[in-house]
Amino acid sequence: MKPITFSEQQIREFKASGYWDETSFEHNWAENAQRFGDKEALVDRHARLTWRQADDLANRYAAGFLALGIPRDSVVVIQLQNCVEVPILRVACER
């Protein structure tokens, strides 16, 4: 897989147009969990989770990574099918 790269000019244009900012995925996630706690957030064929449930799982996974000795800012590879755990694990890794 070839990574997508953007020129400095493109980045400036995206930011100037309001498409990009300095907000992280995890920050937006936490904001949504706070704002929409009991509303449905993630659905797959095996699970339906509210924002609060998904956020709780992200916190548990993040704590589990630390308990396993995976230090902050480590590179973590996750390979899963399309399921609710994918975005939850991404947030856990960012935390």
C-alpha atoms as a PDB file:
ATOM      1  CA  MET A   1       0.000   0.000   0.000  1.00  0.00           C
ATOM      2  CA  LYS A   2       1.385   3.378  -0.962  1.00  0.00           C
ATOM      3  CA  PRO A   3       0.871   6.139   1.621  1.00  0.00           C
ATOM      4  CA  ILE A   4      -0.943   9.297   0.622  1.00  0.00           C
ATOM      5  CA  THR A   5       1.235  12.368   0.913  1.00  0.00           C
ATOM      6  CA  PHE A   6       0.271  16.005   0.608  1.00  0.00           C
ATOM      7  CA  SER A   7       2.446  18.935  -0.347  1.00  0.00           C
ATOM      8  CA  GLU A   8       2.928  21.815   2.081  1.00  0.00           C
ATOM      9  CA  GLN A   9       0.807  23.941  -0.284  1.00  0.00           C
ATOM     10  CA  GLN A  10      -2.068  21.430  -0.174  1.00  0.00           C
ATOM     11  CA  ILE A  11      -1.880  21.288   3.608  1.00  0.00           C
ATOM     12  CA  ARG A  12      -2.048  25.086   3.852  1.00  0.00           C
ATOM     13  CA  GLU A  13      -5.044  25.132   1.484  1.00  0.00           C
ATOM     14  CA  PHE A  14      -6.878  22.401   3.432  1.00  0.00           C
ATOM     15  CA  LYS A  15      -6.329  24.262   6.697  1.00  0.00           C
ATOM     16  CA  ALA A  16      -7.289  27.642   5.213  1.00  0.00           C
ATOM     17  CA  SER A  17     -10.484  26.109   3.796  1.00  0.00           C
ATOM     18  CA  GLY A  18     -11.386  24.628   7.177  1.00  0.00           C
ATOM     19  CA  TYR A  19     -11.071  21.003   6.029  1.00  0.00           C
ATOM     20  CA  TRP A  20      -8.167  20.325   8.409  1.00  0.00           C
ATOM     21  CA  ASP A  21      -7.290  21.587  11.841  1.00  0.00           C
ATOM     22  CA  GLU A  22      -4.996  20.455  14.643  1.00  0.00           C
ATOM     23  CA  THR A  23      -7.699  18.393  16.360  1.00  0.00           C
ATOM     24  CA  SER A  24      -6.885  14.697  16.751  1.00  0.00           C
ATOM     25  CA  PHE A  25      -9.229  11.809  16.031  1.00  0.00           C
ATOM     26  CA  GLU A  26      -9.097  10.916  19.743  1.00  0.00           C
ATOM     27  CA  HIS A  27     -10.059  14.468  20.737  1.00  0.00           C
ATOM     28  CA  ASN A  28     -13.115  14.378  18.451  1.00  0.00           C
ATOM     29  CA  TRP A  29     -13.992  10.917  19.776  1.00  0.00           C
ATOM     30  CA  ALA A  30     -13.852  12.070  23.416  1.00  0.00           C
ATOM     31  CA  GLU A  31     -15.953  15.108  22.575  1.00  0.00           C
ATOM     32  CA  ASN A  32     -18.582  12.922  20.905  1.00  0.00           C
ATOM     33  CA  ALA A  33     -18.578  10.465  23.824  1.00  0.00           C
ATOM     34  CA  GLN A  34     -19.203  13.359  26.211  1.00  0.00           C
ATOM     35  CA  ARG A  35     -21.849  14.969  24.029  1.00  0.00           C
ATOM     36  CA  PHE A  36     -23.710  11.900  22.740  1.00  0.00           C
ATOM     37  CA  GLY A  37     -23.028   9.338  25.520  1.00  0.00           C
ATOM     38  CA  ASP A  38     -26.182   7.229  25.234  1.00  0.00           C
ATOM     39  CA  LYS A  39     -26.620   7.559  21.478  1.00  0.00           C
ATOM     40  CA  GLU A  40     -25.573   4.791  19.133  1.00  0.00           C
ATOM     41  CA  ALA A  41     -22.013   5.191  17.872  1.00  0.00           C
ATOM     42  CA  LEU A  42     -20.860   1.944  16.279  1.00  0.00           C
ATOM     43  CA  VAL A  43     -22.678  -0.968  14.679  1.00  0.00           C
ATOM     44  CA  ASP A  44     -21.524  -4.172  13.054  1.00  0.00           C
ATOM     45  CA  ARG A  45     -23.202  -7.524  12.564  1.00  0.00           C
ATOM     46  CA  HIS A  46     -22.220  -8.645  16.079  1.00  0.00           C
ATOM     47  CA  ALA A  47     -22.502  -5.484  18.188  1.00  0.00           C
ATOM     48  CA  ARG A  48     -24.276  -2.174  18.694  1.00  0.00           C
ATOM     49  CA  LEU A  49     -22.471   0.270  20.984  1.00  0.00           C
ATOM     50  CA  THR A  50     -23.298   3.689  22.356  1.00  0.00           C
ATOM     51  CA  TRP A  51     -20.644   6.395  22.524  1.00  0.00           C
ATOM     52  CA  ARG A  52     -20.258   5.744  26.265  1.00  0.00           C
ATOM     53  CA  GLN A  53     -19.814   1.993  25.803  1.00  0.00           C
ATOM     54  CA  ALA A  54     -17.308   2.478  22.977  1.00  0.00           C
ATOM     55  CA  ASP A  55     -15.383   5.080  24.982  1.00  0.00           C
ATOM     56  CA  ASP A  56     -15.267   2.775  28.020  1.00  0.00           C
ATOM     57  CA  LEU A  57     -13.850  -0.004  25.839  1.00  0.00           C
ATOM     58  CA  ALA A  58     -11.247   2.370  24.381  1.00  0.00           C
ATOM     59  CA  ASN A  59     -10.138   3.257  27.909  1.00  0.00           C
ATOM     60  CA  ARG A  60      -9.946  -0.414  28.892  1.00  0.00           C
ATOM     61  CA  TYR A  61      -7.908  -1.306  25.798  1.00  0.00           C
ATOM     62  CA  ALA A  62      -5.562   1.648  26.399  1.00  0.00           C
ATOM     63  CA  ALA A  63      -5.015   0.513  29.998  1.00  0.00           C
ATOM     64  CA  GLY A  64      -4.462  -3.022  28.734  1.00  0.00           C
ATOM     65  CA  PHE A  65      -1.778  -1.880  26.306  1.00  0.00           C
ATOM     66  CA  LEU A  66       0.056  -0.148  29.154  1.00  0.00           C
ATOM     67  CA  ALA A  67      -0.351  -3.215  31.397  1.00  0.00           C
ATOM     68  CA  LEU A  68       1.199  -5.328  28.639  1.00  0.00           C
ATOM     69  CA  GLY A  69       4.216  -3.018  28.670  1.00  0.00           C
ATOM     70  CA  ILE A  70       3.477  -1.281  25.370  1.00  0.00           C
ATOM     71  CA  PRO A  71       4.853   2.215  25.968  1.00  0.00           C
ATOM     72  CA  ARG A  72       3.251   5.441  24.830  1.00  0.00           C
ATOM     73  CA  ASP A  73       4.048   6.431  21.210  1.00  0.00           C
ATOM     74  CA  SER A  74       4.780   2.826  20.181  1.00  0.00           C
ATOM     75  CA  VAL A  75       3.926   1.678  16.683  1.00  0.00           C
ATOM     76  CA  VAL A  76       0.984  -0.728  16.861  1.00  0.00           C
ATOM     77  CA  VAL A  77      -0.414  -2.699  13.946  1.00  0.00           C
ATOM     78  CA  ILE A  78      -4.031  -3.809  14.025  1.00  0.00           C
ATOM     79  CA  GLN A  79      -5.452  -6.155  11.415  1.00  0.00           C
ATOM     80  CA  LEU A  80      -9.123  -6.917  11.798  1.00  0.00           C
ATOM     81  CA  GLN A  81     -12.151  -7.322   9.629  1.00  0.00           C
ATOM     82  CA  ASN A  82     -14.555  -4.406   9.384  1.00  0.00           C
ATOM     83  CA  CYS A  83     -15.876  -4.348  12.966  1.00  0.00           C
ATOM     84  CA  VAL A  84     -16.609  -1.998  15.871  1.00  0.00           C
ATOM     85  CA  GLU A  85     -13.234  -2.782  17.461  1.00  0.00           C
ATOM     86  CA  VAL A  86     -11.233  -1.045  14.707  1.00  0.00           C
ATOM     87  CA  PRO A  87     -12.039   2.585  15.638  1.00  0.00           C
ATOM     88  CA  ILE A  88     -12.071   1.687  19.343  1.00  0.00           C
ATOM     89  CA  LEU A  89      -8.540   0.284  19.107  1.00  0.00           C
ATOM     90  CA  ARG A  90      -7.387   3.317  17.134  1.00  0.00           C
ATOM     91  CA  VAL A  91      -8.599   5.586  19.929  1.00  0.00           C
ATOM     92  CA  ALA A  92      -7.000   3.302  22.537  1.00  0.00           C
ATOM     93  CA  CYS A  93      -3.679   3.584  20.720  1.00  0.00           C
ATOM     94  CA  GLU A  94      -3.918   7.382  20.596  1.00  0.00           C
ATOM     95  CA  ARG A  95      -4.608   7.492  24.326  1.00  0.00           C
END
